[in-house]
PDB file of N, CA and C in Angstrom:
ATOM      1  N   UNK A   1       0.933  -1.143  -0.061  1.00  0.00           N
ATOM      2  CA  UNK A   1       0.218   0.051   0.193  1.00  0.00           C
ATOM      3  C   UNK A   1       0.810   1.278   0.041  1.00  0.00           C
ATOM      4  N   UNK A   2       0.502   2.445  -0.822  1.00  0.00           N
ATOM      5  CA  UNK A   2       1.323   3.506  -0.930  1.00  0.00           C
ATOM      6  C   UNK A   2       0.947   4.499   0.512  1.00  0.00           C
ATOM      7  N   UNK A   3       2.201   5.147   0.817  1.00  0.00           N
ATOM      8  CA  UNK A   3       1.765   5.869   2.006  1.00  0.00           C
ATOM      9  C   UNK A   3       0.910   7.247   1.409  1.00  0.00           C
ATOM     10  N   UNK A   4      -0.106   7.335   2.167  1.00  0.00           N
ATOM     11  CA  UNK A   4      -0.932   8.790   1.872  1.00  0.00           C
ATOM     12  C   UNK A   4      -0.157   9.878   2.542  1.00  0.00           C
ATOM     13  N   UNK A   5       0.108  10.959   1.779  1.00  0.00           N
ATOM     14  CA  UNK A   5       0.496  12.268   2.531  1.00  0.00           C
ATOM     15  C   UNK A   5      -0.048  13.413   2.023  1.00  0.00           C
ATOM     16  N   UNK A   6      -0.083  14.635   3.104  1.00  0.00           N
ATOM     17  CA  UNK A   6      -0.330  15.840   2.409  1.00  0.00           C
ATOM     18  C   UNK A   6       0.853  16.848   2.452  1.00  0.00           C
ATOM     19  N   UNK A   7       1.041  17.477   1.495  1.00  0.00           N
ATOM     20  CA  UNK A   7       2.101  18.330   1.476  1.00  0.00           C
ATOM     21  C   UNK A   7       1.476  19.852   1.629  1.00  0.00           C
ATOM     22  N   UNK A   8       2.271  20.548   2.447  1.00  0.00           N
ATOM     23  CA  UNK A   8       1.424  22.038   2.527  1.00  0.00           C
ATOM     24  C   UNK A   8       2.851  22.866   2.028  1.00  0.00           C
ATOM     25  N   UNK A   9       2.745  23.948   1.720  1.00  0.00           N
ATOM     26  CA  UNK A   9       4.019  24.895   1.218  1.00  0.00           C
ATOM     27  C   UNK A   9       3.792  26.280   1.940  1.00  0.00           C
ATOM     28  N   UNK A  10       4.697  26.768   2.542  1.00  0.00           N
ATOM     29  CA  UNK A  10       4.341  28.191   2.918  1.00  0.00           C
ATOM     30  C   UNK A  10       5.481  29.136   2.328  1.00  0.00           C
ATOM     31  N   UNK A  11       4.938  30.422   2.271  1.00  0.00           N
ATOM     32  CA  UNK A  11       6.024  31.665   1.619  1.00  0.00           C
ATOM     33  C   UNK A  11       7.393  31.598   2.389  1.00  0.00           C
ATOM     34  N   UNK A  12       8.315  31.760   1.496  1.00  0.00           N
ATOM     35  CA  UNK A  12       9.708  32.097   1.880  1.00  0.00           C
ATOM     36  C   UNK A  12       9.799  33.127   2.845  1.00  0.00           C
ATOM     37  N   UNK A  13       9.287  34.088   2.650  1.00  0.00           N
ATOM     38  CA  UNK A  13       9.300  35.312   3.390  1.00  0.00           C
ATOM     39  C   UNK A  13       8.812  35.147   4.750  1.00  0.00           C
ATOM     40  N   UNK A  14       7.958  34.199   4.833  1.00  0.00           N
ATOM     41  CA  UNK A  14       7.593  33.789   6.260  1.00  0.00           C
ATOM     42  C   UNK A  14       8.358  33.001   6.997  1.00  0.00           C
ATOM     43  N   UNK A  15       9.106  31.975   6.384  1.00  0.00           N
ATOM     44  CA  UNK A  15      10.277  31.317   6.945  1.00  0.00           C
ATOM     45  C   UNK A  15      11.122  32.271   7.445  1.00  0.00           C
ATOM     46  N   UNK A  16      11.608  33.193   6.935  1.00  0.00           N
ATOM     47  CA  UNK A  16      12.563  34.160   7.303  1.00  0.00           C
ATOM     48  C   UNK A  16      12.165  34.931   8.403  1.00  0.00           C
ATOM     49  N   UNK A  17      10.800  35.110   8.589  1.00  0.00           N
ATOM     50  CA  UNK A  17      10.312  35.972   9.586  1.00  0.00           C
ATOM     51  C   UNK A  17      10.138  34.932  10.848  1.00  0.00           C
ATOM     52  N   UNK A  18      10.389  33.829  11.042  1.00  0.00           N
ATOM     53  CA  UNK A  18      10.104  32.899  11.954  1.00  0.00           C
ATOM     54  C   UNK A  18       9.051  32.374  12.229  1.00  0.00           C
ATOM     55  N   UNK A  19       8.404  31.635  11.285  1.00  0.00           N
ATOM     56  CA  UNK A  19       7.012  31.096  11.063  1.00  0.00           C
ATOM     57  C   UNK A  19       6.982  29.953  12.152  1.00  0.00           C
ATOM     58  N   UNK A  20       5.678  29.948  13.129  1.00  0.00           N
ATOM     59  CA  UNK A  20       5.394  29.255  13.818  1.00  0.00           C
ATOM     60  C   UNK A  20       3.725  28.878  13.719  1.00  0.00           C
ATOM     61  N   UNK A  21       3.384  27.749  14.096  1.00  0.00           N
ATOM     62  CA  UNK A  21       2.068  27.584  14.222  1.00  0.00           C
ATOM     63  C   UNK A  21       1.236  25.987  14.115  1.00  0.00           C
ATOM     64  N   UNK A  22       0.509  25.824  13.840  1.00  0.00           N
ATOM     65  CA  UNK A  22      -0.491  24.606  14.098  1.00  0.00           C
ATOM     66  C   UNK A  22      -1.129  24.227  12.903  1.00  0.00           C
ATOM     67  N   UNK A  23      -1.295  22.967  12.298  1.00  0.00           N
ATOM     68  CA  UNK A  23      -1.974  22.381  11.598  1.00  0.00           C
ATOM     69  C   UNK A  23      -3.148  21.523  12.187  1.00  0.00           C
ATOM     70  N   UNK A  24      -4.502  21.575  11.900  1.00  0.00           N
ATOM     71  CA  UNK A  24      -5.490  21.039  12.527  1.00  0.00           C
ATOM     72  C   UNK A  24      -6.142  20.280  11.553  1.00  0.00           C
ATOM     73  N   UNK A  25      -6.387  19.183  11.660  1.00  0.00           N
ATOM     74  CA  UNK A  25      -6.975  18.048  10.495  1.00  0.00           C
ATOM     75  C   UNK A  25      -8.690  18.116  11.577  1.00  0.00           C
ATOM     76  N   UNK A  26      -9.390  18.529  10.827  1.00  0.00           N
ATOM     77  CA  UNK A  26     -10.620  18.539  11.526  1.00  0.00           C
ATOM     78  C   UNK A  26     -11.650  17.513  10.934  1.00  0.00           C
ATOM     79  N   UNK A  27     -12.405  16.982  11.526  1.00  0.00           N
ATOM     80  CA  UNK A  27     -13.274  16.018  11.132  1.00  0.00           C
ATOM     81  C   UNK A  27     -14.645  16.457  11.576  1.00  0.00           C
ATOM     82  N   UNK A  28     -15.531  16.989  10.768  1.00  0.00           N
ATOM     83  CA  UNK A  28     -16.592  17.640  11.081  1.00  0.00           C
ATOM     84  C   UNK A  28     -17.773  16.523  11.659  1.00  0.00           C
ATOM     85  N   UNK A  29     -17.627  15.447  11.234  1.00  0.00           N
ATOM     86  CA  UNK A  29     -18.632  14.352  11.738  1.00  0.00           C
ATOM     87  C   UNK A  29     -18.194  13.710  12.904  1.00  0.00           C
ATOM     88  N   UNK A  30     -17.006  13.750  13.414  1.00  0.00           N
ATOM     89  CA  UNK A  30     -16.584  13.193  14.541  1.00  0.00           C
ATOM     90  C   UNK A  30     -15.342  13.940  15.242  1.00  0.00           C
ATOM     91  N   UNK A  31     -15.514  14.770  15.970  1.00  0.00           N
ATOM     92  CA  UNK A  31     -14.441  15.367  16.586  1.00  0.00           C
ATOM     93  C   UNK A  31     -13.512  14.747  17.245  1.00  0.00           C
ATOM     94  N   UNK A  32     -13.576  13.761  17.766  1.00  0.00           N
ATOM     95  CA  UNK A  32     -12.567  12.593  18.383  1.00  0.00           C
ATOM     96  C   UNK A  32     -11.606  11.940  17.486  1.00  0.00           C
ATOM     97  N   UNK A  33     -11.928  12.222  16.055  1.00  0.00           N
ATOM     98  CA  UNK A  33     -10.699  11.859  14.784  1.00  0.00           C
ATOM     99  C   UNK A  33      -9.916  13.055  14.819  1.00  0.00           C
ATOM    100  N   UNK A  34      -9.970  14.400  15.332  1.00  0.00           N
ATOM    101  CA  UNK A  34      -9.291  15.094  15.034  1.00  0.00           C
ATOM    102  C   UNK A  34      -7.637  14.861  15.369  1.00  0.00           C
ATOM    103  N   UNK A  35      -6.998  15.569  14.504  1.00  0.00           N
ATOM    104  CA  UNK A  35      -5.343  15.285  14.851  1.00  0.00           C
ATOM    105  C   UNK A  35      -4.815  16.992  14.673  1.00  0.00           C
ATOM    106  N   UNK A  36      -3.612  17.105  15.433  1.00  0.00           N
ATOM    107  CA  UNK A  36      -2.828  18.403  15.539  1.00  0.00           C
ATOM    108  C   UNK A  36      -1.768  18.103  15.198  1.00  0.00           C
ATOM    109  N   UNK A  37      -1.050  19.071  14.244  1.00  0.00           N
ATOM    110  CA  UNK A  37       0.528  18.798  14.282  1.00  0.00           C
ATOM    111  C   UNK A  37       0.948  20.437  14.401  1.00  0.00           C
ATOM    112  N   UNK A  38       2.125  20.231  14.772  1.00  0.00           N
ATOM    113  CA  UNK A  38       2.790  21.668  14.866  1.00  0.00           C
ATOM    114  C   UNK A  38       3.297  21.954  13.573  1.00  0.00           C
ATOM    115  N   UNK A  39       3.585  22.902  12.975  1.00  0.00           N
ATOM    116  CA  UNK A  39       4.432  23.276  11.905  1.00  0.00           C
ATOM    117  C   UNK A  39       5.690  23.235  12.021  1.00  0.00           C
ATOM    118  N   UNK A  40       6.297  22.306  11.140  1.00  0.00           N
ATOM    119  CA  UNK A  40       7.815  21.881  11.069  1.00  0.00           C
ATOM    120  C   UNK A  40       8.271  21.983   9.863  1.00  0.00           C
ATOM    121  N   UNK A  41       8.764  23.058   8.912  1.00  0.00           N
ATOM    122  CA  UNK A  41       8.644  22.679   7.580  1.00  0.00           C
ATOM    123  C   UNK A  41      10.337  22.405   7.271  1.00  0.00           C
ATOM    124  N   UNK A  42      10.513  21.868   6.135  1.00  0.00           N
ATOM    125  CA  UNK A  42      11.888  21.637   5.842  1.00  0.00           C
ATOM    126  C   UNK A  42      12.448  23.287   5.228  1.00  0.00           C
ATOM    127  N   UNK A  43      13.551  23.026   4.591  1.00  0.00           N
ATOM    128  CA  UNK A  43      14.237  24.489   4.256  1.00  0.00           C
ATOM    129  C   UNK A  43      13.774  24.944   2.926  1.00  0.00           C
ATOM    130  N   UNK A  44      12.630  24.356   2.392  1.00  0.00           N
ATOM    131  CA  UNK A  44      12.158  25.054   0.861  1.00  0.00           C
ATOM    132  C   UNK A  44      10.651  25.422   1.811  1.00  0.00           C
ATOM    133  N   UNK A  45      10.361  25.433   2.761  1.00  0.00           N
ATOM    134  CA  UNK A  45       9.062  25.751   3.390  1.00  0.00           C
ATOM    135  C   UNK A  45       7.513  24.704   3.084  1.00  0.00           C
ATOM    136  N   UNK A  46       8.219  23.578   3.068  1.00  0.00           N
ATOM    137  CA  UNK A  46       7.362  22.731   2.738  1.00  0.00           C
ATOM    138  C   UNK A  46       7.137  21.720   4.257  1.00  0.00           C
ATOM    139  N   UNK A  47       5.816  21.204   4.035  1.00  0.00           N
ATOM    140  CA  UNK A  47       5.778  20.150   5.311  1.00  0.00           C
ATOM    141  C   UNK A  47       4.809  19.030   4.683  1.00  0.00           C
ATOM    142  N   UNK A  48       5.462  17.882   5.245  1.00  0.00           N
ATOM    143  CA  UNK A  48       4.573  16.577   4.460  1.00  0.00           C
ATOM    144  C   UNK A  48       4.221  15.872   5.604  1.00  0.00           C
ATOM    145  N   UNK A  49       3.038  15.634   5.584  1.00  0.00           N
ATOM    146  CA  UNK A  49       2.296  14.927   6.744  1.00  0.00           C
ATOM    147  C   UNK A  49       1.594  13.764   6.377  1.00  0.00           C
ATOM    148  N   UNK A  50       1.862  12.504   6.888  1.00  0.00           N
ATOM    149  CA  UNK A  50       1.474  11.315   6.830  1.00  0.00           C
ATOM    150  C   UNK A  50      -0.165  11.492   7.210  1.00  0.00           C
ATOM    151  N   UNK A  51      -1.124  10.901   6.316  1.00  0.00           N
ATOM    152  CA  UNK A  51      -2.334  10.724   6.470  1.00  0.00           C
ATOM    153  C   UNK A  51      -2.999   9.591   6.507  1.00  0.00           C
ATOM    154  N   UNK A  52      -2.280   8.330   6.465  1.00  0.00           N
ATOM    155  CA  UNK A  52      -2.152   7.062   6.288  1.00  0.00           C
ATOM    156  C   UNK A  52      -3.380   6.705   7.461  1.00  0.00           C
ATOM    157  N   UNK A  53      -3.418   7.212   8.668  1.00  0.00           N
ATOM    158  CA  UNK A  53      -4.024   6.700   9.846  1.00  0.00           C
ATOM    159  C   UNK A  53      -5.417   7.695   9.799  1.00  0.00           C
ATOM    160  N   UNK A  54      -5.631   8.680   8.952  1.00  0.00           N
ATOM    161  CA  UNK A  54      -6.940   9.094   9.062  1.00  0.00           C
ATOM    162  C   UNK A  54      -7.786   8.391   7.993  1.00  0.00           C
ATOM    163  N   UNK A  55      -9.100   8.458   8.648  1.00  0.00           N
ATOM    164  CA  UNK A  55     -10.295   7.534   7.992  1.00  0.00           C
ATOM    165  C   UNK A  55     -10.917   8.413   6.972  1.00  0.00           C
ATOM    166  N   UNK A  56     -11.311   7.615   5.723  1.00  0.00           N
ATOM    167  CA  UNK A  56     -11.889   8.257   4.688  1.00  0.00           C
ATOM    168  C   UNK A  56     -13.044   8.977   5.022  1.00  0.00           C
ATOM    169  N   UNK A  57     -13.163   9.998   4.040  1.00  0.00           N
ATOM    170  CA  UNK A  57     -14.372  11.314   4.278  1.00  0.00           C
ATOM    171  C   UNK A  57     -13.842  12.508   4.190  1.00  0.00           C
ATOM    172  N   UNK A  58     -14.778  13.201   4.497  1.00  0.00           N
ATOM    173  CA  UNK A  58     -14.637  14.779   4.534  1.00  0.00           C
ATOM    174  C   UNK A  58     -13.773  15.354   5.861  1.00  0.00           C
ATOM    175  N   UNK A  59     -12.481  16.184   5.395  1.00  0.00           N
ATOM    176  CA  UNK A  59     -11.958  16.717   6.285  1.00  0.00           C
ATOM    177  C   UNK A  59     -11.681  18.041   5.931  1.00  0.00           C
ATOM    178  N   UNK A  60     -11.503  18.885   7.242  1.00  0.00           N
ATOM    179  CA  UNK A  60     -11.029  20.302   6.876  1.00  0.00           C
ATOM    180  C   UNK A  60      -9.765  20.503   7.489  1.00  0.00           C
ATOM    181  N   UNK A  61      -8.757  21.199   6.713  1.00  0.00           N
ATOM    182  CA  UNK A  61      -7.361  21.648   7.421  1.00  0.00           C
ATOM    183  C   UNK A  61      -7.342  22.886   7.733  1.00  0.00           C
ATOM    184  N   UNK A  62      -7.382  23.311   8.786  1.00  0.00           N
ATOM    185  CA  UNK A  62      -7.317  24.614   9.322  1.00  0.00           C
ATOM    186  C   UNK A  62      -5.566  24.740   9.754  1.00  0.00           C
ATOM    187  N   UNK A  63      -5.255  25.854   9.302  1.00  0.00           N
ATOM    188  CA  UNK A  63      -3.942  26.026   9.461  1.00  0.00           C
ATOM    189  C   UNK A  63      -3.740  27.458  10.160  1.00  0.00           C
ATOM    190  N   UNK A  64      -3.218  27.678  11.291  1.00  0.00           N
ATOM    191  CA  UNK A  64      -2.929  28.887  11.809  1.00  0.00           C
ATOM    192  C   UNK A  64      -1.553  29.130  11.905  1.00  0.00           C
ATOM    193  N   UNK A  65      -0.905  30.214  11.636  1.00  0.00           N
ATOM    194  CA  UNK A  65       0.388  30.512  11.812  1.00  0.00           C
ATOM    195  C   UNK A  65       0.950  31.847  12.079  1.00  0.00           C
ATOM    196  N   UNK A  66       1.828  32.281  12.815  1.00  0.00           N
ATOM    197  CA  UNK A  66       2.367  33.683  12.991  1.00  0.00           C
ATOM    198  C   UNK A  66       3.754  33.633  11.845  1.00  0.00           C
ATOM    199  N   UNK A  67       3.947  34.836  11.372  1.00  0.00           N
ATOM    200  CA  UNK A  67       5.184  35.074  10.713  1.00  0.00           C
ATOM    201  C   UNK A  67       5.720  36.552  11.250  1.00  0.00           C
ATOM    202  N   UNK A  68       6.610  36.597  12.064  1.00  0.00           N
ATOM    203  CA  UNK A  68       6.940  37.990  12.223  1.00  0.00           C
ATOM    204  C   UNK A  68       5.959  38.234  13.418  1.00  0.00           C
ATOM    205  N   UNK A  69       5.358  39.574  13.442  1.00  0.00           N
ATOM    206  CA  UNK A  69       4.030  39.932  14.229  1.00  0.00           C
ATOM    207  C   UNK A  69       2.871  40.004  13.583  1.00  0.00           C
ATOM    208  N   UNK A  70       2.689  39.132  12.250  1.00  0.00           N
ATOM    209  CA  UNK A  70       0.998  38.859  11.860  1.00  0.00           C
ATOM    210  C   UNK A  70       1.014  37.550  11.727  1.00  0.00           C
ATOM    211  N   UNK A  71      -0.071  37.399  12.132  1.00  0.00           N
ATOM    212  CA  UNK A  71      -1.152  36.136  12.006  1.00  0.00           C
ATOM    213  C   UNK A  71      -1.762  35.732  10.842  1.00  0.00           C
ATOM    214  N   UNK A  72      -1.785  34.606  10.551  1.00  0.00           N
ATOM    215  CA  UNK A  72      -2.604  34.154   9.145  1.00  0.00           C
ATOM    216  C   UNK A  72      -3.401  33.071   9.728  1.00  0.00           C
ATOM    217  N   UNK A  73      -4.142  32.705   8.913  1.00  0.00           N
ATOM    218  CA  UNK A  73      -5.288  31.374   8.764  1.00  0.00           C
ATOM    219  C   UNK A  73      -5.382  31.110   7.321  1.00  0.00           C
ATOM    220  N   UNK A  74      -5.562  29.808   7.099  1.00  0.00           N
ATOM    221  CA  UNK A  74      -5.946  29.315   6.012  1.00  0.00           C
ATOM    222  C   UNK A  74      -6.744  28.144   6.092  1.00  0.00           C
ATOM    223  N   UNK A  75      -7.697  27.511   5.427  1.00  0.00           N
ATOM    224  CA  UNK A  75      -8.710  26.513   5.634  1.00  0.00           C
ATOM    225  C   UNK A  75      -8.750  25.812   4.256  1.00  0.00           C
ATOM    226  N   UNK A  76      -8.426  24.548   4.128  1.00  0.00           N
ATOM    227  CA  UNK A  76      -8.811  23.878   2.906  1.00  0.00           C
ATOM    228  C   UNK A  76      -9.561  22.599   3.374  1.00  0.00           C
ATOM    229  N   UNK A  77     -10.551  22.381   2.401  1.00  0.00           N
ATOM    230  CA  UNK A  77     -11.363  20.843   2.634  1.00  0.00           C
ATOM    231  C   UNK A  77     -10.882  19.974   1.588  1.00  0.00           C
ATOM    232  N   UNK A  78     -10.655  18.545   2.415  1.00  0.00           N
ATOM    233  CA  UNK A  78     -10.135  17.948   1.356  1.00  0.00           C
ATOM    234  C   UNK A  78     -11.171  16.474   1.706  1.00  0.00           C
ATOM    235  N   UNK A  79     -11.372  15.423   0.607  1.00  0.00           N
ATOM    236  CA  UNK A  79     -11.973  14.242   0.953  1.00  0.00           C
ATOM    237  C   UNK A  79     -10.846  13.030   0.556  1.00  0.00           C
ATOM    238  N   UNK A  80     -10.716  12.314   1.569  1.00  0.00           N
ATOM    239  CA  UNK A  80     -10.094  11.015   1.494  1.00  0.00           C
ATOM    240  C   UNK A  80     -10.488   9.774   0.899  1.00  0.00           C
TER     241      UNK A  80
END
């Protein structure tokens, strides 16, 4: 079986400013399945997260981070 992953990219300028934050995999139908990850990017500003343990269905990925003194938020919906 292939390893399922999600890859997230952050702007280089945010890395230079000291990017910190969290990635929240939110399951609308069952919050007990939610997962949280600290943002830990590679030098290219990407973070790859293994999603092999997540159940199939609808997920919202809520990403909140700060770079310098500015707060950011993004949300994506994925179906596994």
